[in-house]
Amino acid sequence: MNKYEVLYILAPGLDEAEINAQVDKFSKLVTDNGGEAEVNKWGLKKLAYPINFKNDGYYVLMTFTANPEFPAELERQMRISDSVMRFLVTKPE
């Protein structure tokens, strides 16, 4: 099991229930694949530059442990989600 971090930005138009549903969806995806996830919600912040004509985004940092094959599946799930504006999966040293 390796340690990973993913920082993703959710669309600002989501209400609190939709944000929680998306965060739970990604953390459940980690736990269903045998890993452990820790979620840190940073909240709504101004973006450095507009993305899809939006100036704000809801930032979430999730640290997790998973098998080496899992981050590709997590990235696939985030790519097909309409509410995720940007994401970055890293493996901290």
PDB file of N, CA and C in Angstrom:
ATOM      1  N   MET A   1       0.842  -1.183   0.000  1.00  0.00           N
ATOM      2  CA  MET A   1       0.000   0.000   0.000  1.00  0.00           C
ATOM      3  C   MET A   1       0.887   1.246   0.000  1.00  0.00           C
ATOM      4  N   ASN A   2       0.583   2.161  -0.895  1.00  0.00           N
ATOM      5  CA  ASN A   2       1.314   3.414  -1.008  1.00  0.00           C
ATOM      6  C   ASN A   2       0.462   4.564  -0.495  1.00  0.00           C
ATOM      7  N   LYS A   3       1.118   5.644  -0.079  1.00  0.00           N
ATOM      8  CA  LYS A   3       0.409   6.847   0.343  1.00  0.00           C
ATOM      9  C   LYS A   3       0.271   7.786  -0.851  1.00  0.00           C
ATOM     10  N   TYR A   4      -0.899   8.402  -0.970  1.00  0.00           N
ATOM     11  CA  TYR A   4      -1.185   9.349  -2.042  1.00  0.00           C
ATOM     12  C   TYR A   4      -1.943  10.537  -1.479  1.00  0.00           C
ATOM     13  N   GLU A   5      -1.940  11.622  -2.233  1.00  0.00           N
ATOM     14  CA  GLU A   5      -2.756  12.796  -1.950  1.00  0.00           C
ATOM     15  C   GLU A   5      -3.473  13.176  -3.234  1.00  0.00           C
ATOM     16  N   VAL A   6      -4.707  13.610  -3.086  1.00  0.00           N
ATOM     17  CA  VAL A   6      -5.424  14.167  -4.228  1.00  0.00           C
ATOM     18  C   VAL A   6      -6.065  15.475  -3.769  1.00  0.00           C
ATOM     19  N   LEU A   7      -5.809  16.526  -4.528  1.00  0.00           N
ATOM     20  CA  LEU A   7      -6.449  17.811  -4.298  1.00  0.00           C
ATOM     21  C   LEU A   7      -7.397  18.023  -5.469  1.00  0.00           C
ATOM     22  N   TYR A   8      -8.671  18.198  -5.157  1.00  0.00           N
ATOM     23  CA  TYR A   8      -9.624  18.425  -6.246  1.00  0.00           C
ATOM     24  C   TYR A   8     -10.503  19.619  -5.932  1.00  0.00           C
ATOM     25  N   ILE A   9     -10.994  20.236  -7.005  1.00  0.00           N
ATOM     26  CA  ILE A   9     -11.813  21.439  -6.913  1.00  0.00           C
ATOM     27  C   ILE A   9     -13.192  21.109  -7.454  1.00  0.00           C
ATOM     28  N   LEU A  10     -14.195  21.319  -6.611  1.00  0.00           N
ATOM     29  CA  LEU A  10     -15.579  21.098  -7.018  1.00  0.00           C
ATOM     30  C   LEU A  10     -16.198  22.411  -7.487  1.00  0.00           C
ATOM     31  N   ALA A  11     -17.194  22.304  -8.340  1.00  0.00           N
ATOM     32  CA  ALA A  11     -17.874  23.480  -8.880  1.00  0.00           C
ATOM     33  C   ALA A  11     -18.524  24.280  -7.750  1.00  0.00           C
ATOM     34  N   PRO A  12     -18.497  25.609  -7.844  1.00  0.00           N
ATOM     35  CA  PRO A  12     -19.021  26.440  -6.759  1.00  0.00           C
ATOM     36  C   PRO A  12     -20.545  26.430  -6.655  1.00  0.00           C
ATOM     37  N   GLY A  13     -21.257  25.994  -7.668  1.00  0.00           N
ATOM     38  CA  GLY A  13     -22.715  26.017  -7.649  1.00  0.00           C
ATOM     39  C   GLY A  13     -23.356  24.893  -6.858  1.00  0.00           C
ATOM     40  N   LEU A  14     -22.576  23.993  -6.313  1.00  0.00           N
ATOM     41  CA  LEU A  14     -23.125  22.862  -5.564  1.00  0.00           C
ATOM     42  C   LEU A  14     -23.531  23.291  -4.158  1.00  0.00           C
ATOM     43  N   ASP A  15     -24.646  22.736  -3.674  1.00  0.00           N
ATOM     44  CA  ASP A  15     -25.015  23.018  -2.292  1.00  0.00           C
ATOM     45  C   ASP A  15     -24.280  22.054  -1.356  1.00  0.00           C
ATOM     46  N   GLU A  16     -24.443  22.237  -0.061  1.00  0.00           N
ATOM     47  CA  GLU A  16     -23.682  21.473   0.927  1.00  0.00           C
ATOM     48  C   GLU A  16     -23.943  19.970   0.817  1.00  0.00           C
ATOM     49  N   ALA A  17     -25.166  19.570   0.530  1.00  0.00           N
ATOM     50  CA  ALA A  17     -25.491  18.148   0.404  1.00  0.00           C
ATOM     51  C   ALA A  17     -24.794  17.531  -0.804  1.00  0.00           C
ATOM     52  N   GLU A  18     -24.752  18.252  -1.923  1.00  0.00           N
ATOM     53  CA  GLU A  18     -24.087  17.744  -3.123  1.00  0.00           C
ATOM     54  C   GLU A  18     -22.576  17.667  -2.932  1.00  0.00           C
ATOM     55  N   ILE A  19     -22.004  18.647  -2.218  1.00  0.00           N
ATOM     56  CA  ILE A  19     -20.573  18.612  -1.929  1.00  0.00           C
ATOM     57  C   ILE A  19     -20.249  17.401  -1.068  1.00  0.00           C
ATOM     58  N   ASN A  20     -21.028  17.196  -0.010  1.00  0.00           N
ATOM     59  CA  ASN A  20     -20.802  16.045   0.868  1.00  0.00           C
ATOM     60  C   ASN A  20     -20.961  14.733   0.117  1.00  0.00           C
ATOM     61  N   ALA A  21     -21.915  14.671  -0.821  1.00  0.00           N
ATOM     62  CA  ALA A  21     -22.120  13.455  -1.604  1.00  0.00           C
ATOM     63  C   ALA A  21     -20.902  13.158  -2.474  1.00  0.00           C
ATOM     64  N   GLN A  22     -20.322  14.179  -3.095  1.00  0.00           N
ATOM     65  CA  GLN A  22     -19.139  13.979  -3.933  1.00  0.00           C
ATOM     66  C   GLN A  22     -17.927  13.564  -3.095  1.00  0.00           C
ATOM     67  N   VAL A  23     -17.743  14.211  -1.949  1.00  0.00           N
ATOM     68  CA  VAL A  23     -16.617  13.875  -1.070  1.00  0.00           C
ATOM     69  C   VAL A  23     -16.762  12.443  -0.569  1.00  0.00           C
ATOM     70  N   ASP A  24     -17.973  12.069  -0.171  1.00  0.00           N
ATOM     71  CA  ASP A  24     -18.222  10.703   0.300  1.00  0.00           C
ATOM     72  C   ASP A  24     -18.022   9.682  -0.814  1.00  0.00           C
ATOM     73  N   LYS A  25     -18.409  10.057  -2.025  1.00  0.00           N
ATOM     74  CA  LYS A  25     -18.261   9.149  -3.168  1.00  0.00           C
ATOM     75  C   LYS A  25     -16.795   8.787  -3.395  1.00  0.00           C
ATOM     76  N   PHE A  26     -15.906   9.795  -3.369  1.00  0.00           N
ATOM     77  CA  PHE A  26     -14.491   9.535  -3.625  1.00  0.00           C
ATOM     78  C   PHE A  26     -13.813   8.839  -2.448  1.00  0.00           C
ATOM     79  N   SER A  27     -14.181   9.183  -1.226  1.00  0.00           N
ATOM     80  CA  SER A  27     -13.579   8.497  -0.078  1.00  0.00           C
ATOM     81  C   SER A  27     -14.081   7.062   0.020  1.00  0.00           C
ATOM     82  N   LYS A  28     -15.347   6.825  -0.352  1.00  0.00           N
ATOM     83  CA  LYS A  28     -15.878   5.460  -0.355  1.00  0.00           C
ATOM     84  C   LYS A  28     -15.202   4.622  -1.438  1.00  0.00           C
ATOM     85  N   LEU A  29     -14.869   5.234  -2.558  1.00  0.00           N
ATOM     86  CA  LEU A  29     -14.159   4.547  -3.626  1.00  0.00           C
ATOM     87  C   LEU A  29     -12.809   4.034  -3.122  1.00  0.00           C
ATOM     88  N   VAL A  30     -12.134   4.830  -2.304  1.00  0.00           N
ATOM     89  CA  VAL A  30     -10.854   4.419  -1.726  1.00  0.00           C
ATOM     90  C   VAL A  30     -11.053   3.252  -0.762  1.00  0.00           C
ATOM     91  N   THR A  31     -12.011   3.381   0.148  1.00  0.00           N
ATOM     92  CA  THR A  31     -12.213   2.335   1.150  1.00  0.00           C
ATOM     93  C   THR A  31     -12.735   1.042   0.528  1.00  0.00           C
ATOM     94  N   ASP A  32     -13.524   1.146  -0.538  1.00  0.00           N
ATOM     95  CA  ASP A  32     -14.012  -0.064  -1.213  1.00  0.00           C
ATOM     96  C   ASP A  32     -12.884  -0.838  -1.887  1.00  0.00           C
ATOM     97  N   ASN A  33     -11.792  -0.142  -2.209  1.00  0.00           N
ATOM     98  CA  ASN A  33     -10.649  -0.794  -2.836  1.00  0.00           C
ATOM     99  C   ASN A  33      -9.560  -1.155  -1.826  1.00  0.00           C
ATOM    100  N   GLY A  34      -9.919  -1.201  -0.554  1.00  0.00           N
ATOM    101  CA  GLY A  34      -8.999  -1.665   0.472  1.00  0.00           C
ATOM    102  C   GLY A  34      -8.086  -0.624   1.067  1.00  0.00           C
ATOM    103  N   GLY A  35      -8.302   0.646   0.795  1.00  0.00           N
ATOM    104  CA  GLY A  35      -7.451   1.699   1.330  1.00  0.00           C
ATOM    105  C   GLY A  35      -8.116   2.443   2.474  1.00  0.00           C
ATOM    106  N   GLU A  36      -7.406   3.415   2.998  1.00  0.00           N
ATOM    107  CA  GLU A  36      -7.922   4.294   4.039  1.00  0.00           C
ATOM    108  C   GLU A  36      -7.820   5.717   3.543  1.00  0.00           C
ATOM    109  N   ALA A  37      -8.852   6.529   3.829  1.00  0.00           N
ATOM    110  CA  ALA A  37      -8.877   7.910   3.346  1.00  0.00           C
ATOM    111  C   ALA A  37      -9.095   8.874   4.501  1.00  0.00           C
ATOM    112  N   GLU A  38      -8.426  10.024   4.392  1.00  0.00           N
ATOM    113  CA  GLU A  38      -8.619  11.124   5.342  1.00  0.00           C
ATOM    114  C   GLU A  38      -8.925  12.368   4.533  1.00  0.00           C
ATOM    115  N   VAL A  39     -10.077  12.991   4.786  1.00  0.00           N
ATOM    116  CA  VAL A  39     -10.546  14.115   3.987  1.00  0.00           C
ATOM    117  C   VAL A  39     -10.399  15.415   4.771  1.00  0.00           C
ATOM    118  N   ASN A  40      -9.895  16.433   4.093  1.00  0.00           N
ATOM    119  CA  ASN A  40      -9.751  17.763   4.670  1.00  0.00           C
ATOM    120  C   ASN A  40     -10.418  18.752   3.717  1.00  0.00           C
ATOM    121  N   LYS A  41     -11.580  19.289   4.111  1.00  0.00           N
ATOM    122  CA  LYS A  41     -12.304  20.243   3.270  1.00  0.00           C
ATOM    123  C   LYS A  41     -11.758  21.647   3.522  1.00  0.00           C
ATOM    124  N   TRP A  42     -11.239  22.260   2.464  1.00  0.00           N
ATOM    125  CA  TRP A  42     -10.689  23.603   2.583  1.00  0.00           C
ATOM    126  C   TRP A  42     -11.753  24.666   2.390  1.00  0.00           C
ATOM    127  N   GLY A  43     -12.833  24.342   1.721  1.00  0.00           N
ATOM    128  CA  GLY A  43     -13.921  25.283   1.523  1.00  0.00           C
ATOM    129  C   GLY A  43     -13.847  26.031   0.205  1.00  0.00           C
ATOM    130  N   LEU A  44     -14.716  27.010   0.079  1.00  0.00           N
ATOM    131  CA  LEU A  44     -14.825  27.801  -1.146  1.00  0.00           C
ATOM    132  C   LEU A  44     -13.714  28.844  -1.182  1.00  0.00           C
ATOM    133  N   LYS A  45     -12.931  28.839  -2.255  1.00  0.00           N
ATOM    134  CA  LYS A  45     -11.812  29.772  -2.398  1.00  0.00           C
ATOM    135  C   LYS A  45     -11.803  30.347  -3.807  1.00  0.00           C
ATOM    136  N   LYS A  46     -11.202  31.503  -3.930  1.00  0.00           N
ATOM    137  CA  LYS A  46     -11.060  32.149  -5.239  1.00  0.00           C
ATOM    138  C   LYS A  46      -9.975  31.424  -6.037  1.00  0.00           C
ATOM    139  N   LEU A  47     -10.242  31.187  -7.313  1.00  0.00           N
ATOM    140  CA  LEU A  47      -9.286  30.526  -8.187  1.00  0.00           C
ATOM    141  C   LEU A  47      -8.245  31.525  -8.685  1.00  0.00           C
ATOM    142  N   ALA A  48      -7.075  31.037  -9.032  1.00  0.00           N
ATOM    143  CA  ALA A  48      -6.019  31.897  -9.561  1.00  0.00           C
ATOM    144  C   ALA A  48      -6.382  32.426 -10.948  1.00  0.00           C
ATOM    145  N   TYR A  49      -7.150  31.632 -11.693  1.00  0.00           N
ATOM    146  CA  TYR A  49      -7.610  32.031 -13.015  1.00  0.00           C
ATOM    147  C   TYR A  49      -8.958  31.362 -13.252  1.00  0.00           C
ATOM    148  N   PRO A  50      -9.809  31.957 -14.097  1.00  0.00           N
ATOM    149  CA  PRO A  50     -11.136  31.369 -14.324  1.00  0.00           C
ATOM    150  C   PRO A  50     -11.051  29.988 -14.986  1.00  0.00           C
ATOM    151  N   ILE A  51     -11.886  29.083 -14.516  1.00  0.00           N
ATOM    152  CA  ILE A  51     -12.023  27.751 -15.106  1.00  0.00           C
ATOM    153  C   ILE A  51     -13.485  27.607 -15.500  1.00  0.00           C
ATOM    154  N   ASN A  52     -13.735  27.384 -16.773  1.00  0.00           N
ATOM    155  CA  ASN A  52     -15.105  27.277 -17.293  1.00  0.00           C
ATOM    156  C   ASN A  52     -15.950  28.485 -16.879  1.00  0.00           C
ATOM    157  N   PHE A  53     -15.369  29.666 -16.959  1.00  0.00           N
ATOM    158  CA  PHE A  53     -16.021  30.933 -16.638  1.00  0.00           C
ATOM    159  C   PHE A  53     -16.433  31.032 -15.171  1.00  0.00           C
ATOM    160  N   LYS A  54     -15.804  30.269 -14.294  1.00  0.00           N
ATOM    161  CA  LYS A  54     -16.070  30.332 -12.853  1.00  0.00           C
ATOM    162  C   LYS A  54     -14.822  30.857 -12.159  1.00  0.00           C
ATOM    163  N   ASN A  55     -15.033  31.728 -11.171  1.00  0.00           N
ATOM    164  CA  ASN A  55     -13.916  32.342 -10.456  1.00  0.00           C
ATOM    165  C   ASN A  55     -13.668  31.734  -9.080  1.00  0.00           C
ATOM    166  N   ASP A  56     -14.580  30.888  -8.595  1.00  0.00           N
ATOM    167  CA  ASP A  56     -14.457  30.260  -7.288  1.00  0.00           C
ATOM    168  C   ASP A  56     -14.543  28.756  -7.435  1.00  0.00           C
ATOM    169  N   GLY A  57     -14.068  28.049  -6.419  1.00  0.00           N
ATOM    170  CA  GLY A  57     -14.155  26.592  -6.405  1.00  0.00           C
ATOM    171  C   GLY A  57     -14.079  26.076  -4.980  1.00  0.00           C
ATOM    172  N   TYR A  58     -14.639  24.905  -4.735  1.00  0.00           N
ATOM    173  CA  TYR A  58     -14.626  24.281  -3.416  1.00  0.00           C
ATOM    174  C   TYR A  58     -13.471  23.281  -3.383  1.00  0.00           C
ATOM    175  N   TYR A  59     -12.456  23.570  -2.583  1.00  0.00           N
ATOM    176  CA  TYR A  59     -11.236  22.769  -2.522  1.00  0.00           C
ATOM    177  C   TYR A  59     -11.372  21.649  -1.489  1.00  0.00           C
ATOM    178  N   VAL A  60     -10.913  20.449  -1.872  1.00  0.00           N
ATOM    179  CA  VAL A  60     -10.901  19.294  -0.970  1.00  0.00           C
ATOM    180  C   VAL A  60      -9.556  18.585  -1.124  1.00  0.00           C
ATOM    181  N   LEU A  61      -8.885  18.325  -0.004  1.00  0.00           N
ATOM    182  CA  LEU A  61      -7.644  17.565   0.009  1.00  0.00           C
ATOM    183  C   LEU A  61      -7.932  16.221   0.670  1.00  0.00           C
ATOM    184  N   MET A  62      -7.613  15.140  -0.044  1.00  0.00           N
ATOM    185  CA  MET A  62      -7.811  13.804   0.505  1.00  0.00           C
ATOM    186  C   MET A  62      -6.477  13.072   0.473  1.00  0.00           C
ATOM    187  N   THR A  63      -6.028  12.610   1.634  1.00  0.00           N
ATOM    188  CA  THR A  63      -4.842  11.755   1.710  1.00  0.00           C
ATOM    189  C   THR A  63      -5.339  10.339   1.885  1.00  0.00           C
ATOM    190  N   PHE A  64      -4.720   9.403   1.178  1.00  0.00           N
ATOM    191  CA  PHE A  64      -5.202   8.029   1.240  1.00  0.00           C
ATOM    192  C   PHE A  64      -4.080   7.044   0.983  1.00  0.00           C
ATOM    193  N   THR A  65      -4.331   5.801   1.384  1.00  0.00           N
ATOM    194  CA  THR A  65      -3.424   4.697   1.071  1.00  0.00           C
ATOM    195  C   THR A  65      -4.162   3.779   0.104  1.00  0.00           C
ATOM    196  N   ALA A  66      -3.422   3.258  -0.856  1.00  0.00           N
ATOM    197  CA  ALA A  66      -4.044   2.399  -1.865  1.00  0.00           C
ATOM    198  C   ALA A  66      -2.967   1.595  -2.584  1.00  0.00           C
ATOM    199  N   ASN A  67      -3.425   0.620  -3.346  1.00  0.00           N
ATOM    200  CA  ASN A  67      -2.537  -0.148  -4.208  1.00  0.00           C
ATOM    201  C   ASN A  67      -2.071   0.734  -5.358  1.00  0.00           C
ATOM    202  N   PRO A  68      -0.926   0.419  -5.969  1.00  0.00           N
ATOM    203  CA  PRO A  68      -0.389   1.263  -7.045  1.00  0.00           C
ATOM    204  C   PRO A  68      -1.303   1.405  -8.264  1.00  0.00           C
ATOM    205  N   GLU A  69      -2.203   0.470  -8.477  1.00  0.00           N
ATOM    206  CA  GLU A  69      -3.094   0.536  -9.646  1.00  0.00           C
ATOM    207  C   GLU A  69      -4.288   1.458  -9.406  1.00  0.00           C
ATOM    208  N   PHE A  70      -4.600   1.758  -8.149  1.00  0.00           N
ATOM    209  CA  PHE A  70      -5.839   2.477  -7.833  1.00  0.00           C
ATOM    210  C   PHE A  70      -5.891   3.932  -8.296  1.00  0.00           C
ATOM    211  N   PRO A  71      -4.822   4.730  -8.200  1.00  0.00           N
ATOM    212  CA  PRO A  71      -4.940   6.142  -8.608  1.00  0.00           C
ATOM    213  C   PRO A  71      -5.448   6.340 -10.037  1.00  0.00           C
ATOM    214  N   ALA A  72      -5.155   5.438 -10.935  1.00  0.00           N
ATOM    215  CA  ALA A  72      -5.674   5.554 -12.308  1.00  0.00           C
ATOM    216  C   ALA A  72      -7.197   5.452 -12.320  1.00  0.00           C
ATOM    217  N   GLU A  73      -7.751   4.585 -11.493  1.00  0.00           N
ATOM    218  CA  GLU A  73      -9.210   4.447 -11.410  1.00  0.00           C
ATOM    219  C   GLU A  73      -9.830   5.692 -10.767  1.00  0.00           C
ATOM    220  N   LEU A  74      -9.185   6.229  -9.744  1.00  0.00           N
ATOM    221  CA  LEU A  74      -9.684   7.447  -9.103  1.00  0.00           C
ATOM    222  C   LEU A  74      -9.682   8.605 -10.097  1.00  0.00           C
ATOM    223  N   GLU A  75      -8.616   8.743 -10.871  1.00  0.00           N
ATOM    224  CA  GLU A  75      -8.555   9.788 -11.887  1.00  0.00           C
ATOM    225  C   GLU A  75      -9.644   9.608 -12.937  1.00  0.00           C
ATOM    226  N   ARG A  76      -9.908   8.373 -13.324  1.00  0.00           N
ATOM    227  CA  ARG A  76     -10.971   8.099 -14.302  1.00  0.00           C
ATOM    228  C   ARG A  76     -12.328   8.546 -13.761  1.00  0.00           C
ATOM    229  N   GLN A  77     -12.595   8.227 -12.494  1.00  0.00           N
ATOM    230  CA  GLN A  77     -13.863   8.617 -11.877  1.00  0.00           C
ATOM    231  C   GLN A  77     -13.994  10.138 -11.776  1.00  0.00           C
ATOM    232  N   MET A  78     -12.894  10.811 -11.488  1.00  0.00           N
ATOM    233  CA  MET A  78     -12.946  12.276 -11.379  1.00  0.00           C
ATOM    234  C   MET A  78     -13.116  12.932 -12.746  1.00  0.00           C
ATOM    235  N   ARG A  79     -12.527  12.337 -13.775  1.00  0.00           N
ATOM    236  CA  ARG A  79     -12.669  12.885 -15.131  1.00  0.00           C
ATOM    237  C   ARG A  79     -14.113  12.842 -15.623  1.00  0.00           C
ATOM    238  N   ILE A  80     -14.842  11.789 -15.269  1.00  0.00           N
ATOM    239  CA  ILE A  80     -16.219  11.657 -15.772  1.00  0.00           C
ATOM    240  C   ILE A  80     -17.237  12.358 -14.885  1.00  0.00           C
ATOM    241  N   SER A  81     -16.805  12.881 -13.738  1.00  0.00           N
ATOM    242  CA  SER A  81     -17.706  13.608 -12.850  1.00  0.00           C
ATOM    243  C   SER A  81     -17.830  15.054 -13.314  1.00  0.00           C
ATOM    244  N   ASP A  82     -19.054  15.517 -13.526  1.00  0.00           N
ATOM    245  CA  ASP A  82     -19.278  16.879 -14.003  1.00  0.00           C
ATOM    246  C   ASP A  82     -18.983  17.927 -12.937  1.00  0.00           C
ATOM    247  N   SER A  83     -19.039  17.548 -11.669  1.00  0.00           N
ATOM    248  CA  SER A  83     -18.849  18.526 -10.607  1.00  0.00           C
ATOM    249  C   SER A  83     -17.380  18.781 -10.282  1.00  0.00           C
ATOM    250  N   VAL A  84     -16.457  17.947 -10.749  1.00  0.00           N
ATOM    251  CA  VAL A  84     -15.029  18.141 -10.493  1.00  0.00           C
ATOM    252  C   VAL A  84     -14.450  19.019 -11.604  1.00  0.00           C
ATOM    253  N   MET A  85     -13.931  20.189 -11.200  1.00  0.00           N
ATOM    254  CA  MET A  85     -13.353  21.115 -12.168  1.00  0.00           C
ATOM    255  C   MET A  85     -11.905  20.781 -12.478  1.00  0.00           C
ATOM    256  N   ARG A  86     -11.105  20.483 -11.456  1.00  0.00           N
ATOM    257  CA  ARG A  86      -9.698  20.114 -11.607  1.00  0.00           C
ATOM    258  C   ARG A  86      -9.328  19.147 -10.491  1.00  0.00           C
ATOM    259  N   PHE A  87      -8.288  18.337 -10.733  1.00  0.00           N
ATOM    260  CA  PHE A  87      -7.773  17.435  -9.702  1.00  0.00           C
ATOM    261  C   PHE A  87      -6.316  17.163  -9.980  1.00  0.00           C
ATOM    262  N   LEU A  88      -5.608  16.763  -8.919  1.00  0.00           N
ATOM    263  CA  LEU A  88      -4.205  16.394  -9.056  1.00  0.00           C
ATOM    264  C   LEU A  88      -3.903  15.322  -8.006  1.00  0.00           C
ATOM    265  N   VAL A  89      -3.495  14.143  -8.487  1.00  0.00           N
ATOM    266  CA  VAL A  89      -3.113  13.043  -7.607  1.00  0.00           C
ATOM    267  C   VAL A  89      -1.597  13.009  -7.542  1.00  0.00           C
ATOM    268  N   THR A  90      -1.049  13.023  -6.326  1.00  0.00           N
ATOM    269  CA  THR A  90       0.406  12.981  -6.142  1.00  0.00           C
ATOM    270  C   THR A  90       0.764  11.906  -5.132  1.00  0.00           C
ATOM    271  N   LYS A  91       1.997  11.468  -5.213  1.00  0.00           N
ATOM    272  CA  LYS A  91       2.540  10.511  -4.253  1.00  0.00           C
ATOM    273  C   LYS A  91       3.631  11.237  -3.466  1.00  0.00           C
ATOM    274  N   PRO A  92       3.348  11.631  -2.217  1.00  0.00           N
ATOM    275  CA  PRO A  92       4.348  12.376  -1.445  1.00  0.00           C
ATOM    276  C   PRO A  92       5.556  11.506  -1.123  1.00  0.00           C
ATOM    277  N   GLU A  93       6.704  12.109  -1.086  1.00  0.00           N
ATOM    278  CA  GLU A  93       7.949  11.382  -0.791  1.00  0.00           C
ATOM    279  C   GLU A  93       8.136  11.251   0.697  1.00  0.00           C
TER     280      GLU A  93
END
